Amino acid sequence: MHEMSLCESILQVLEQQAKTQQYSKVKTVWLEIGALSNVELDALRFSFDVVVQGSLAEHAQLEIIEVPGQAWCMQCSRNVVVQQLYDLCPHCGSHQLQVNSGDQMRIKELEVE
């Protein structure tokens, strides 16, 4: 389950930023997660609660903002929404799609004390 290691990385970022930004407690974390990022959201929520125990983010709320996948169709020259990797272009049916958004995960915002 790679969601556990993702949450460990999130906690590292929170701890590093706490030193830089001078906060001692994280109340809410907003994550943007792309539809094509291969992150299982329920597993991420569970892992987050486990990983942050005893840390500055213990009891923090995890808010997830889902970002749709987008790709450029090289056949019909359109930017299209895709639900998963290897989808067909909804306009022309081409397989020649280049993903340009929705495959990332990032910390968008924090509420801290």
PDB file of N, CA and C in Angstrom:
ATOM      1  N   MET A   1       0.852  -1.178   0.000  1.00  0.00           N
ATOM      2  CA  MET A   1       0.000   0.000   0.000  1.00  0.00           C
ATOM      3  C   MET A   1       0.897   1.241   0.000  1.00  0.00           C
ATOM      4  N   HIS A   2       1.026   1.910  -1.144  1.00  0.00           N
ATOM      5  CA  HIS A   2       1.902   3.067  -1.239  1.00  0.00           C
ATOM      6  C   HIS A   2       1.294   4.314  -0.607  1.00  0.00           C
ATOM      7  N   GLU A   3       0.024   4.277  -0.257  1.00  0.00           N
ATOM      8  CA  GLU A   3      -0.602   5.427   0.399  1.00  0.00           C
ATOM      9  C   GLU A   3       0.048   5.722   1.747  1.00  0.00           C
ATOM     10  N   MET A   4       0.530   4.683   2.432  1.00  0.00           N
ATOM     11  CA  MET A   4       1.213   4.883   3.720  1.00  0.00           C
ATOM     12  C   MET A   4       2.487   5.707   3.511  1.00  0.00           C
ATOM     13  N   SER A   5       3.272   5.365   2.503  1.00  0.00           N
ATOM     14  CA  SER A   5       4.503   6.121   2.255  1.00  0.00           C
ATOM     15  C   SER A   5       4.191   7.537   1.766  1.00  0.00           C
ATOM     16  N   LEU A   6       3.097   7.709   1.032  1.00  0.00           N
ATOM     17  CA  LEU A   6       2.687   9.058   0.645  1.00  0.00           C
ATOM     18  C   LEU A   6       2.382   9.901   1.873  1.00  0.00           C
ATOM     19  N   CYS A   7       1.680   9.314   2.833  1.00  0.00           N
ATOM     20  CA  CYS A   7       1.336  10.049   4.060  1.00  0.00           C
ATOM     21  C   CYS A   7       2.577  10.355   4.892  1.00  0.00           C
ATOM     22  N   GLU A   8       3.535   9.450   4.887  1.00  0.00           N
ATOM     23  CA  GLU A   8       4.793   9.726   5.590  1.00  0.00           C
ATOM     24  C   GLU A   8       5.517  10.909   4.948  1.00  0.00           C
ATOM     25  N   SER A   9       5.469  10.985   3.635  1.00  0.00           N
ATOM     26  CA  SER A   9       6.084  12.113   2.929  1.00  0.00           C
ATOM     27  C   SER A   9       5.331  13.415   3.222  1.00  0.00           C
ATOM     28  N   ILE A  10       4.021  13.342   3.281  1.00  0.00           N
ATOM     29  CA  ILE A  10       3.222  14.528   3.632  1.00  0.00           C
ATOM     30  C   ILE A  10       3.605  15.019   5.020  1.00  0.00           C
ATOM     31  N   LEU A  11       3.724  14.102   5.972  1.00  0.00           N
ATOM     32  CA  LEU A  11       4.092  14.483   7.332  1.00  0.00           C
ATOM     33  C   LEU A  11       5.481  15.122   7.364  1.00  0.00           C
ATOM     34  N   GLN A  12       6.411  14.601   6.585  1.00  0.00           N
ATOM     35  CA  GLN A  12       7.748  15.207   6.523  1.00  0.00           C
ATOM     36  C   GLN A  12       7.667  16.650   6.036  1.00  0.00           C
ATOM     37  N   VAL A  13       6.862  16.881   5.016  1.00  0.00           N
ATOM     38  CA  VAL A  13       6.696  18.247   4.499  1.00  0.00           C
ATOM     39  C   VAL A  13       6.081  19.139   5.574  1.00  0.00           C
ATOM     40  N   LEU A  14       5.071  18.634   6.275  1.00  0.00           N
ATOM     41  CA  LEU A  14       4.434  19.426   7.338  1.00  0.00           C
ATOM     42  C   LEU A  14       5.437  19.785   8.427  1.00  0.00           C
ATOM     43  N   GLU A  15       6.265  18.832   8.811  1.00  0.00           N
ATOM     44  CA  GLU A  15       7.262  19.083   9.861  1.00  0.00           C
ATOM     45  C   GLU A  15       8.327  20.067   9.400  1.00  0.00           C
ATOM     46  N   GLN A  16       8.773  19.941   8.149  1.00  0.00           N
ATOM     47  CA  GLN A  16       9.759  20.884   7.614  1.00  0.00           C
ATOM     48  C   GLN A  16       9.180  22.298   7.549  1.00  0.00           C
ATOM     49  N   GLN A  17       7.944  22.394   7.079  1.00  0.00           N
ATOM     50  CA  GLN A  17       7.309  23.701   6.966  1.00  0.00           C
ATOM     51  C   GLN A  17       7.004  24.301   8.336  1.00  0.00           C
ATOM     52  N   ALA A  18       6.747  23.466   9.326  1.00  0.00           N
ATOM     53  CA  ALA A  18       6.491  23.971  10.680  1.00  0.00           C
ATOM     54  C   ALA A  18       7.703  24.737  11.198  1.00  0.00           C
ATOM     55  N   LYS A  19       8.894  24.250  10.889  1.00  0.00           N
ATOM     56  CA  LYS A  19      10.120  24.948  11.309  1.00  0.00           C
ATOM     57  C   LYS A  19      10.265  26.270  10.555  1.00  0.00           C
ATOM     58  N   THR A  20      10.021  26.230   9.262  1.00  0.00           N
ATOM     59  CA  THR A  20      10.174  27.422   8.424  1.00  0.00           C
ATOM     60  C   THR A  20       9.088  28.452   8.703  1.00  0.00           C
ATOM     61  N   GLN A  21       7.837  27.992   8.782  1.00  0.00           N
ATOM     62  CA  GLN A  21       6.693  28.886   8.931  1.00  0.00           C
ATOM     63  C   GLN A  21       6.348  29.170  10.391  1.00  0.00           C
ATOM     64  N   GLN A  22       6.986  28.466  11.294  1.00  0.00           N
ATOM     65  CA  GLN A  22       6.819  28.629  12.743  1.00  0.00           C
ATOM     66  C   GLN A  22       5.388  28.389  13.214  1.00  0.00           C
ATOM     67  N   TYR A  23       4.898  27.197  12.945  1.00  0.00           N
ATOM     68  CA  TYR A  23       3.631  26.765  13.521  1.00  0.00           C
ATOM     69  C   TYR A  23       3.869  25.485  14.299  1.00  0.00           C
ATOM     70  N   SER A  24       2.961  25.203  15.243  1.00  0.00           N
ATOM     71  CA  SER A  24       3.165  24.039  16.113  1.00  0.00           C
ATOM     72  C   SER A  24       2.078  22.980  15.970  1.00  0.00           C
ATOM     73  N   LYS A  25       0.997  23.319  15.276  1.00  0.00           N
ATOM     74  CA  LYS A  25      -0.103  22.370  15.146  1.00  0.00           C
ATOM     75  C   LYS A  25      -0.765  22.538  13.789  1.00  0.00           C
ATOM     76  N   VAL A  26      -1.076  21.396  13.177  1.00  0.00           N
ATOM     77  CA  VAL A  26      -1.810  21.401  11.907  1.00  0.00           C
ATOM     78  C   VAL A  26      -3.240  20.995  12.205  1.00  0.00           C
ATOM     79  N   LYS A  27      -4.183  21.836  11.790  1.00  0.00           N
ATOM     80  CA  LYS A  27      -5.597  21.539  12.039  1.00  0.00           C
ATOM     81  C   LYS A  27      -6.274  20.908  10.822  1.00  0.00           C
ATOM     82  N   THR A  28      -5.920  21.378   9.631  1.00  0.00           N
ATOM     83  CA  THR A  28      -6.527  20.856   8.403  1.00  0.00           C
ATOM     84  C   THR A  28      -5.485  20.839   7.298  1.00  0.00           C
ATOM     85  N   VAL A  29      -5.527  19.769   6.510  1.00  0.00           N
ATOM     86  CA  VAL A  29      -4.666  19.642   5.330  1.00  0.00           C
ATOM     87  C   VAL A  29      -5.582  19.446   4.126  1.00  0.00           C
ATOM     88  N   TRP A  30      -5.424  20.305   3.119  1.00  0.00           N
ATOM     89  CA  TRP A  30      -6.154  20.141   1.865  1.00  0.00           C
ATOM     90  C   TRP A  30      -5.180  19.583   0.837  1.00  0.00           C
ATOM     91  N   LEU A  31      -5.518  18.432   0.287  1.00  0.00           N
ATOM     92  CA  LEU A  31      -4.704  17.810  -0.751  1.00  0.00           C
ATOM     93  C   LEU A  31      -5.451  17.836  -2.065  1.00  0.00           C
ATOM     94  N   GLU A  32      -4.768  18.198  -3.125  1.00  0.00           N
ATOM     95  CA  GLU A  32      -5.298  18.032  -4.464  1.00  0.00           C
ATOM     96  C   GLU A  32      -4.758  16.709  -4.992  1.00  0.00           C
ATOM     97  N   ILE A  33      -5.665  15.847  -5.399  1.00  0.00           N
ATOM     98  CA  ILE A  33      -5.270  14.533  -5.892  1.00  0.00           C
ATOM     99  C   ILE A  33      -5.921  14.312  -7.250  1.00  0.00           C
ATOM    100  N   GLY A  34      -5.101  14.056  -8.231  1.00  0.00           N
ATOM    101  CA  GLY A  34      -5.585  13.842  -9.583  1.00  0.00           C
ATOM    102  C   GLY A  34      -6.238  12.482  -9.753  1.00  0.00           C
ATOM    103  N   ALA A  35      -7.222  12.443 -10.620  1.00  0.00           N
ATOM    104  CA  ALA A  35      -7.945  11.200 -10.907  1.00  0.00           C
ATOM    105  C   ALA A  35      -7.025  10.139 -11.502  1.00  0.00           C
ATOM    106  N   LEU A  36      -5.918  10.567 -12.093  1.00  0.00           N
ATOM    107  CA  LEU A  36      -4.989   9.638 -12.736  1.00  0.00           C
ATOM    108  C   LEU A  36      -3.760   9.351 -11.880  1.00  0.00           C
ATOM    109  N   SER A  37      -3.788   9.723 -10.613  1.00  0.00           N
ATOM    110  CA  SER A  37      -2.614   9.595  -9.744  1.00  0.00           C
ATOM    111  C   SER A  37      -2.449   8.208  -9.134  1.00  0.00           C
ATOM    112  N   ASN A  38      -3.407   7.333  -9.340  1.00  0.00           N
ATOM    113  CA  ASN A  38      -3.362   5.976  -8.777  1.00  0.00           C
ATOM    114  C   ASN A  38      -3.304   5.965  -7.252  1.00  0.00           C
ATOM    115  N   VAL A  39      -3.965   6.928  -6.630  1.00  0.00           N
ATOM    116  CA  VAL A  39      -4.053   6.976  -5.172  1.00  0.00           C
ATOM    117  C   VAL A  39      -5.444   6.503  -4.771  1.00  0.00           C
ATOM    118  N   GLU A  40      -5.492   5.509  -3.897  1.00  0.00           N
ATOM    119  CA  GLU A  40      -6.753   5.002  -3.366  1.00  0.00           C
ATOM    120  C   GLU A  40      -7.142   5.917  -2.198  1.00  0.00           C
ATOM    121  N   LEU A  41      -8.209   6.688  -2.374  1.00  0.00           N
ATOM    122  CA  LEU A  41      -8.555   7.739  -1.412  1.00  0.00           C
ATOM    123  C   LEU A  41      -8.895   7.193  -0.031  1.00  0.00           C
ATOM    124  N   ASP A  42      -9.627   6.088   0.058  1.00  0.00           N
ATOM    125  CA  ASP A  42      -9.955   5.522   1.367  1.00  0.00           C
ATOM    126  C   ASP A  42      -8.698   5.045   2.081  1.00  0.00           C
ATOM    127  N   ALA A  43      -7.791   4.430   1.347  1.00  0.00           N
ATOM    128  CA  ALA A  43      -6.536   3.970   1.937  1.00  0.00           C
ATOM    129  C   ALA A  43      -5.689   5.162   2.382  1.00  0.00           C
ATOM    130  N   LEU A  44      -5.727   6.256   1.619  1.00  0.00           N
ATOM    131  CA  LEU A  44      -4.976   7.451   1.989  1.00  0.00           C
ATOM    132  C   LEU A  44      -5.530   8.056   3.275  1.00  0.00           C
ATOM    133  N   ARG A  45      -6.844   8.137   3.391  1.00  0.00           N
ATOM    134  CA  ARG A  45      -7.456   8.678   4.616  1.00  0.00           C
ATOM    135  C   ARG A  45      -7.075   7.843   5.834  1.00  0.00           C
ATOM    136  N   PHE A  46      -7.162   6.521   5.685  1.00  0.00           N
ATOM    137  CA  PHE A  46      -6.799   5.619   6.784  1.00  0.00           C
ATOM    138  C   PHE A  46      -5.322   5.796   7.144  1.00  0.00           C
ATOM    139  N   SER A  47      -4.477   5.796   6.136  1.00  0.00           N
ATOM    140  CA  SER A  47      -3.035   5.916   6.366  1.00  0.00           C
ATOM    141  C   SER A  47      -2.677   7.244   7.014  1.00  0.00           C
ATOM    142  N   PHE A  48      -3.346   8.305   6.600  1.00  0.00           N
ATOM    143  CA  PHE A  48      -3.073   9.622   7.177  1.00  0.00           C
ATOM    144  C   PHE A  48      -3.338   9.611   8.673  1.00  0.00           C
ATOM    145  N   ASP A  49      -4.477   9.054   9.082  1.00  0.00           N
ATOM    146  CA  ASP A  49      -4.812   8.998  10.505  1.00  0.00           C
ATOM    147  C   ASP A  49      -3.786   8.200  11.300  1.00  0.00           C
ATOM    148  N   VAL A  50      -3.267   7.142  10.713  1.00  0.00           N
ATOM    149  CA  VAL A  50      -2.263   6.304  11.391  1.00  0.00           C
ATOM    150  C   VAL A  50      -0.925   7.031  11.476  1.00  0.00           C
ATOM    151  N   VAL A  51      -0.485   7.601  10.362  1.00  0.00           N
ATOM    152  CA  VAL A  51       0.848   8.214  10.283  1.00  0.00           C
ATOM    153  C   VAL A  51       0.975   9.448  11.174  1.00  0.00           C
ATOM    154  N   VAL A  52      -0.080  10.250  11.298  1.00  0.00           N
ATOM    155  CA  VAL A  52       0.039  11.513  12.037  1.00  0.00           C
ATOM    156  C   VAL A  52      -0.122  11.354  13.554  1.00  0.00           C
ATOM    157  N   GLN A  53      -0.406  10.151  14.021  1.00  0.00           N
ATOM    158  CA  GLN A  53      -0.541   9.949  15.472  1.00  0.00           C
ATOM    159  C   GLN A  53       0.745  10.366  16.178  1.00  0.00           C
ATOM    160  N   GLY A  54       0.592  11.165  17.232  1.00  0.00           N
ATOM    161  CA  GLY A  54       1.736  11.626  18.013  1.00  0.00           C
ATOM    162  C   GLY A  54       2.552  12.724  17.354  1.00  0.00           C
ATOM    163  N   SER A  55       2.051  13.304  16.280  1.00  0.00           N
ATOM    164  CA  SER A  55       2.793  14.350  15.573  1.00  0.00           C
ATOM    165  C   SER A  55       2.055  15.684  15.688  1.00  0.00           C
ATOM    166  N   LEU A  56       2.620  16.709  15.081  1.00  0.00           N
ATOM    167  CA  LEU A  56       1.978  18.019  15.088  1.00  0.00           C
ATOM    168  C   LEU A  56       0.673  18.027  14.286  1.00  0.00           C
ATOM    169  N   ALA A  57       0.419  16.970  13.524  1.00  0.00           N
ATOM    170  CA  ALA A  57      -0.809  16.882  12.731  1.00  0.00           C
ATOM    171  C   ALA A  57      -1.809  15.884  13.322  1.00  0.00           C
ATOM    172  N   GLU A  58      -1.549  15.418  14.550  1.00  0.00           N
ATOM    173  CA  GLU A  58      -2.505  14.501  15.172  1.00  0.00           C
ATOM    174  C   GLU A  58      -3.856  15.206  15.291  1.00  0.00           C
ATOM    175  N   HIS A  59      -4.911  14.522  14.951  1.00  0.00           N
ATOM    176  CA  HIS A  59      -6.293  15.028  14.950  1.00  0.00           C
ATOM    177  C   HIS A  59      -6.568  16.028  13.822  1.00  0.00           C
ATOM    178  N   ALA A  60      -5.629  16.201  12.906  1.00  0.00           N
ATOM    179  CA  ALA A  60      -5.867  17.102  11.771  1.00  0.00           C
ATOM    180  C   ALA A  60      -6.894  16.483  10.832  1.00  0.00           C
ATOM    181  N   GLN A  61      -7.683  17.338  10.220  1.00  0.00           N
ATOM    182  CA  GLN A  61      -8.648  16.892   9.218  1.00  0.00           C
ATOM    183  C   GLN A  61      -7.948  16.834   7.874  1.00  0.00           C
ATOM    184  N   LEU A  62      -8.260  15.797   7.124  1.00  0.00           N
ATOM    185  CA  LEU A  62      -7.728  15.665   5.773  1.00  0.00           C
ATOM    186  C   LEU A  62      -8.858  15.936   4.791  1.00  0.00           C
ATOM    187  N   GLU A  63      -8.714  16.982   4.016  1.00  0.00           N
ATOM    188  CA  GLU A  63      -9.697  17.346   2.999  1.00  0.00           C
ATOM    189  C   GLU A  63      -9.093  17.048   1.631  1.00  0.00           C
ATOM    190  N   ILE A  64      -9.822  16.301   0.817  1.00  0.00           N
ATOM    191  CA  ILE A  64      -9.309  15.902  -0.487  1.00  0.00           C
ATOM    192  C   ILE A  64     -10.094  16.614  -1.586  1.00  0.00           C
ATOM    193  N   ILE A  65      -9.355  17.256  -2.457  1.00  0.00           N
ATOM    194  CA  ILE A  65      -9.917  17.922  -3.621  1.00  0.00           C
ATOM    195  C   ILE A  65      -9.532  17.075  -4.825  1.00  0.00           C
ATOM    196  N   GLU A  66     -10.535  16.478  -5.463  1.00  0.00           N
ATOM    197  CA  GLU A  66     -10.259  15.616  -6.608  1.00  0.00           C
ATOM    198  C   GLU A  66     -10.138  16.459  -7.871  1.00  0.00           C
ATOM    199  N   VAL A  67      -9.055  16.225  -8.600  1.00  0.00           N
ATOM    200  CA  VAL A  67      -8.779  16.950  -9.836  1.00  0.00           C
ATOM    201  C   VAL A  67      -8.992  15.982 -11.004  1.00  0.00           C
ATOM    202  N   PRO A  68      -9.818  16.360 -11.977  1.00  0.00           N
ATOM    203  CA  PRO A  68     -10.060  15.446 -13.103  1.00  0.00           C
ATOM    204  C   PRO A  68      -8.809  15.279 -13.961  1.00  0.00           C
ATOM    205  N   GLY A  69      -8.731  14.147 -14.615  1.00  0.00           N
ATOM    206  CA  GLY A  69      -7.638  13.908 -15.547  1.00  0.00           C
ATOM    207  C   GLY A  69      -7.900  14.623 -16.858  1.00  0.00           C
ATOM    208  N   GLN A  70      -6.846  15.171 -17.431  1.00  0.00           N
ATOM    209  CA  GLN A  70      -6.964  15.825 -18.727  1.00  0.00           C
ATOM    210  C   GLN A  70      -5.805  15.381 -19.605  1.00  0.00           C
ATOM    211  N   ALA A  71      -6.087  15.318 -20.891  1.00  0.00           N
ATOM    212  CA  ALA A  71      -5.059  14.916 -21.838  1.00  0.00           C
ATOM    213  C   ALA A  71      -5.239  15.688 -23.140  1.00  0.00           C
ATOM    214  N   TRP A  72      -4.147  15.792 -23.876  1.00  0.00           N
ATOM    215  CA  TRP A  72      -4.162  16.421 -25.189  1.00  0.00           C
ATOM    216  C   TRP A  72      -4.264  15.317 -26.230  1.00  0.00           C
ATOM    217  N   CYS A  73      -5.275  15.417 -27.085  1.00  0.00           N
ATOM    218  CA  CYS A  73      -5.436  14.442 -28.158  1.00  0.00           C
ATOM    219  C   CYS A  73      -4.606  14.900 -29.351  1.00  0.00           C
ATOM    220  N   MET A  74      -3.624  14.094 -29.712  1.00  0.00           N
ATOM    221  CA  MET A  74      -2.755  14.447 -30.830  1.00  0.00           C
ATOM    222  C   MET A  74      -3.466  14.283 -32.175  1.00  0.00           C
ATOM    223  N   GLN A  75      -4.522  13.508 -32.207  1.00  0.00           N
ATOM    224  CA  GLN A  75      -5.253  13.275 -33.452  1.00  0.00           C
ATOM    225  C   GLN A  75      -6.173  14.447 -33.798  1.00  0.00           C
ATOM    226  N   CYS A  76      -6.983  14.893 -32.826  1.00  0.00           N
ATOM    227  CA  CYS A  76      -7.954  15.966 -33.123  1.00  0.00           C
ATOM    228  C   CYS A  76      -7.582  17.311 -32.496  1.00  0.00           C
ATOM    229  N   SER A  77      -6.407  17.372 -31.851  1.00  0.00           N
ATOM    230  CA  SER A  77      -5.881  18.629 -31.284  1.00  0.00           C
ATOM    231  C   SER A  77      -6.842  19.285 -30.301  1.00  0.00           C
ATOM    232  N   ARG A  78      -7.339  18.470 -29.364  1.00  0.00           N
ATOM    233  CA  ARG A  78      -8.222  18.992 -28.314  1.00  0.00           C
ATOM    234  C   ARG A  78      -7.714  18.555 -26.954  1.00  0.00           C
ATOM    235  N   ASN A  79      -7.992  19.395 -25.958  1.00  0.00           N
ATOM    236  CA  ASN A  79      -7.766  19.021 -24.579  1.00  0.00           C
ATOM    237  C   ASN A  79      -9.034  18.319 -24.101  1.00  0.00           C
ATOM    238  N   VAL A  80      -8.912  17.087 -23.595  1.00  0.00           N
ATOM    239  CA  VAL A  80     -10.093  16.301 -23.238  1.00  0.00           C
ATOM    240  C   VAL A  80      -9.986  15.793 -21.805  1.00  0.00           C
ATOM    241  N   VAL A  81     -11.131  15.552 -21.188  1.00  0.00           N
ATOM    242  CA  VAL A  81     -11.195  14.967 -19.853  1.00  0.00           C
ATOM    243  C   VAL A  81     -11.121  13.450 -19.991  1.00  0.00           C
ATOM    244  N   VAL A  82     -10.269  12.819 -19.175  1.00  0.00           N
ATOM    245  CA  VAL A  82     -10.145  11.357 -19.172  1.00  0.00           C
ATOM    246  C   VAL A  82     -10.336  10.856 -17.747  1.00  0.00           C
ATOM    247  N   GLN A  83     -10.948   9.699 -17.617  1.00  0.00           N
ATOM    248  CA  GLN A  83     -11.223   9.115 -16.307  1.00  0.00           C
ATOM    249  C   GLN A  83     -10.095   8.214 -15.821  1.00  0.00           C
ATOM    250  N   GLN A  84      -9.382   7.608 -16.770  1.00  0.00           N
ATOM    251  CA  GLN A  84      -8.280   6.716 -16.424  1.00  0.00           C
ATOM    252  C   GLN A  84      -7.263   6.721 -17.548  1.00  0.00           C
ATOM    253  N   LEU A  85      -6.067   6.251 -17.237  1.00  0.00           N
ATOM    254  CA  LEU A  85      -5.037   6.153 -18.255  1.00  0.00           C
ATOM    255  C   LEU A  85      -5.512   5.228 -19.368  1.00  0.00           C
ATOM    256  N   TYR A  86      -5.108   5.517 -20.558  1.00  0.00           N
ATOM    257  CA  TYR A  86      -5.422   4.715 -21.745  1.00  0.00           C
ATOM    258  C   TYR A  86      -6.885   4.822 -22.182  1.00  0.00           C
ATOM    259  N   ASP A  87      -7.609   5.832 -21.682  1.00  0.00           N
ATOM    260  CA  ASP A  87      -8.934   6.111 -22.224  1.00  0.00           C
ATOM    261  C   ASP A  87      -8.793   6.547 -23.680  1.00  0.00           C
ATOM    262  N   LEU A  88      -9.865   6.395 -24.405  1.00  0.00           N
ATOM    263  CA  LEU A  88      -9.926   6.897 -25.775  1.00  0.00           C
ATOM    264  C   LEU A  88     -10.353   8.353 -25.753  1.00  0.00           C
ATOM    265  N   CYS A  89     -10.001   9.077 -26.787  1.00  0.00           N
ATOM    266  CA  CYS A  89     -10.481  10.451 -26.934  1.00  0.00           C
ATOM    267  C   CYS A  89     -11.998  10.397 -27.100  1.00  0.00           C
ATOM    268  N   PRO A  90     -12.740  11.156 -26.295  1.00  0.00           N
ATOM    269  CA  PRO A  90     -14.197  11.128 -26.407  1.00  0.00           C
ATOM    270  C   PRO A  90     -14.723  11.770 -27.696  1.00  0.00           C
ATOM    271  N   HIS A  91     -13.865  12.491 -28.417  1.00  0.00           N
ATOM    272  CA  HIS A  91     -14.301  13.162 -29.643  1.00  0.00           C
ATOM    273  C   HIS A  91     -14.007  12.344 -30.900  1.00  0.00           C
ATOM    274  N   CYS A  92     -12.786  11.786 -30.973  1.00  0.00           N
ATOM    275  CA  CYS A  92     -12.401  11.104 -32.216  1.00  0.00           C
ATOM    276  C   CYS A  92     -12.079   9.620 -32.019  1.00  0.00           C
ATOM    277  N   GLY A  93     -12.009   9.161 -30.754  1.00  0.00           N
ATOM    278  CA  GLY A  93     -11.737   7.749 -30.485  1.00  0.00           C
ATOM    279  C   GLY A  93     -10.271   7.363 -30.552  1.00  0.00           C
ATOM    280  N   SER A  94      -9.391   8.330 -30.697  1.00  0.00           N
ATOM    281  CA  SER A  94      -7.966   8.057 -30.815  1.00  0.00           C
ATOM    282  C   SER A  94      -7.363   7.573 -29.488  1.00  0.00           C
ATOM    283  N   HIS A  95      -6.319   6.764 -29.601  1.00  0.00           N
ATOM    284  CA  HIS A  95      -5.540   6.334 -28.439  1.00  0.00           C
ATOM    285  C   HIS A  95      -4.351   7.272 -28.190  1.00  0.00           C
ATOM    286  N   GLN A  96      -4.147   8.231 -29.056  1.00  0.00           N
ATOM    287  CA  GLN A  96      -2.981   9.099 -28.983  1.00  0.00           C
ATOM    288  C   GLN A  96      -3.241  10.285 -28.055  1.00  0.00           C
ATOM    289  N   LEU A  97      -3.317   9.982 -26.771  1.00  0.00           N
ATOM    290  CA  LEU A  97      -3.555  11.020 -25.765  1.00  0.00           C
ATOM    291  C   LEU A  97      -2.308  11.211 -24.924  1.00  0.00           C
ATOM    292  N   GLN A  98      -1.989  12.449 -24.663  1.00  0.00           N
ATOM    293  CA  GLN A  98      -0.862  12.789 -23.808  1.00  0.00           C
ATOM    294  C   GLN A  98      -1.407  13.472 -22.555  1.00  0.00           C
ATOM    295  N   VAL A  99      -1.278  12.801 -21.412  1.00  0.00           N
ATOM    296  CA  VAL A  99      -1.790  13.330 -20.150  1.00  0.00           C
ATOM    297  C   VAL A  99      -1.057  14.630 -19.820  1.00  0.00           C
ATOM    298  N   ASN A 100      -1.827  15.670 -19.475  1.00  0.00           N
ATOM    299  CA  ASN A 100      -1.216  16.944 -19.102  1.00  0.00           C
ATOM    300  C   ASN A 100      -1.709  17.471 -17.755  1.00  0.00           C
ATOM    301  N   SER A 101      -2.636  16.746 -17.113  1.00  0.00           N
ATOM    302  CA  SER A 101      -3.137  17.184 -15.815  1.00  0.00           C
ATOM    303  C   SER A 101      -3.898  16.038 -15.155  1.00  0.00           C
ATOM    304  N   GLY A 102      -3.907  16.046 -13.830  1.00  0.00           N
ATOM    305  CA  GLY A 102      -4.688  15.056 -13.105  1.00  0.00           C
ATOM    306  C   GLY A 102      -3.916  13.826 -12.687  1.00  0.00           C
ATOM    307  N   ASP A 103      -2.591  13.845 -12.831  1.00  0.00           N
ATOM    308  CA  ASP A 103      -1.787  12.708 -12.406  1.00  0.00           C
ATOM    309  C   ASP A 103      -0.900  13.065 -11.210  1.00  0.00           C
ATOM    310  N   GLN A 104      -1.191  14.192 -10.574  1.00  0.00           N
ATOM    311  CA  GLN A 104      -0.365  14.676  -9.483  1.00  0.00           C
ATOM    312  C   GLN A 104      -1.101  14.636  -8.143  1.00  0.00           C
ATOM    313  N   MET A 105      -0.321  14.812  -7.094  1.00  0.00           N
ATOM    314  CA  MET A 105      -0.860  14.996  -5.753  1.00  0.00           C
ATOM    315  C   MET A 105      -0.034  16.106  -5.119  1.00  0.00           C
ATOM    316  N   ARG A 106      -0.705  17.074  -4.511  1.00  0.00           N
ATOM    317  CA  ARG A 106       0.025  18.168  -3.867  1.00  0.00           C
ATOM    318  C   ARG A 106      -0.745  18.705  -2.681  1.00  0.00           C
ATOM    319  N   ILE A 107      -0.017  19.252  -1.747  1.00  0.00           N
ATOM    320  CA  ILE A 107      -0.622  19.941  -0.619  1.00  0.00           C
ATOM    321  C   ILE A 107      -1.040  21.315  -1.132  1.00  0.00           C
ATOM    322  N   LYS A 108      -2.330  21.565  -1.108  1.00  0.00           N
ATOM    323  CA  LYS A 108      -2.849  22.833  -1.627  1.00  0.00           C
ATOM    324  C   LYS A 108      -2.881  23.910  -0.552  1.00  0.00           C
ATOM    325  N   GLU A 109      -3.298  23.511   0.664  1.00  0.00           N
ATOM    326  CA  GLU A 109      -3.505  24.505   1.719  1.00  0.00           C
ATOM    327  C   GLU A 109      -3.405  23.829   3.074  1.00  0.00           C
ATOM    328  N   LEU A 110      -3.038  24.625   4.077  1.00  0.00           N
ATOM    329  CA  LEU A 110      -2.976  24.155   5.463  1.00  0.00           C
ATOM    330  C   LEU A 110      -3.680  25.144   6.367  1.00  0.00           C
ATOM    331  N   GLU A 111      -4.324  24.614   7.394  1.00  0.00           N
ATOM    332  CA  GLU A 111      -4.814  25.449   8.496  1.00  0.00           C
ATOM    333  C   GLU A 111      -3.956  25.058   9.693  1.00  0.00           C
ATOM    334  N   VAL A 112      -3.271  26.031  10.261  1.00  0.00           N
ATOM    335  CA  VAL A 112      -2.301  25.753  11.319  1.00  0.00           C
ATOM    336  C   VAL A 112      -2.477  26.713  12.488  1.00  0.00           C
ATOM    337  N   GLU A 113      -1.853  26.340  13.594  1.00  0.00           N
ATOM    338  CA  GLU A 113      -1.780  27.239  14.769  1.00  0.00           C
ATOM    339  C   GLU A 113      -0.326  27.480  15.107  1.00  0.00           C
TER     340      GLU A 113
END
